[in-house]
Amino acid sequence: MRTEHQNTSPGAPDSAESPGATAEQRGARRAVTLFPVLVLLAGVIGLLTPGTFEGGGEAVPYLLGVVMFCMGVTMTPEDFKGVAKRPWAVALGLVAHYVIMPGLGWLVAHALDLSPELAAGVILVGCAPSGTASNVVTYLARGDVALSVSVATVSTVVAPLVTPPLTLLLAGEYLPVDAGSMVTDILKTVLLPVFAGLVIRLVAARLVTRALPVLPWLSALTIAVIVAVVVAGSADAIKSAAALVLLAVVLHNGLGLALGYGAGRLARLGKPASRAMAFEVGMQNSGLAASLATAHFSPLAALPAAVFSVWHNVSGAVVAAWMTYRDRGPTAAQKDAGEAQNP
């Protein structure tokens, strides 16, 4: 779920429902708002009727490929030009993402004394690239959407080189990790679909433009199916582990959002860019984490990713609303504008 980034300043509309919002932005906002409910419903269905999704684990990588294809279709050459325009800010966001979240995953797993499978699952979520809805939430928070898109793009592109070795380093003490096989899986389920989507965007721009409002819904529905399959695969273990997994996810995501924002402020990037940093660090591609956990560990190890899929969209929407609320009034808006011009 991505949105075009015409409005990147603190003076951007308060919501994608504003008069200046595009159809894609309105569709993305509605999808990301209803997404947690949709995914939660899918999880309940998977829990109550696990037999319905028996054998569905084999389809998870292909379903993730659909999500990543949708992401690629929404990309434009401007996304990559944005990296060249602000390499320092993008590099900082990339390093913060792949240092803070994997480290937090390891710390949370140790602090809560999670079982090996759950610990590996939490760490794998932390080692995943940025979440597919992070730039939509950044837009809703009146953050720097251009920076958000740039960091999300680069974190996805480098995932095959970063996610497997980080997982091996941090989760290897809990379960065996085949980093080489994981690289291959990420290339097939992430980079190839994203590249295919980007090519389609370039060669069939008019057709893609008409389809853009539908893509967030397709992504949301596909991720919901992934969650249903993952939950169904570990339905027996959920009743005893659900509360602990939820605590781990809330801590992981909440600390990631806070430390991401703090990293931006510490680097004097300004408030809009710091908001982008918060969501690029704290929101993960949990669909990829669920797919990798199912393929390389077990359905139980994929449970943290399934819970994260719901929670990080809820927390992201709440934090974005809180940030927007703080901006109301001319004094706050003028202050933000000054920070954007003089970071």
Foldseek 3Di string as FASTA:
>chain_A
DAADQPQAALPDDLACVDPPHDLLLVLLRVLLVCLLVLLVVLLVCLLVCLVVCVPVLVCLLVLLLLLQLLLLLPDDVLLVVLCVVCVPLLVLLQVLQQPQLLVLLLVLCVVLVDALLQSLLSNLQSLFFAAPSLLSLLVNLSARSSSLSNNRVVSLVCSLVGRLVSSCVRSVVRDPGDSVVLSVSSCVRHVVSSVVSNVCCVPPVVVSVVCSSVSSVSSSNSLSNLLSNLSSQCSVPCVVCVVVLLVSLCSSLVVQLVVQLVSCVVVLQANRSSNSSSNRRRGGHLSSSLSCSVVGPNSVSSNSSSSNSSPNSVVSNVVSVVSSVVCPDPVSSVVRNVSNVPD
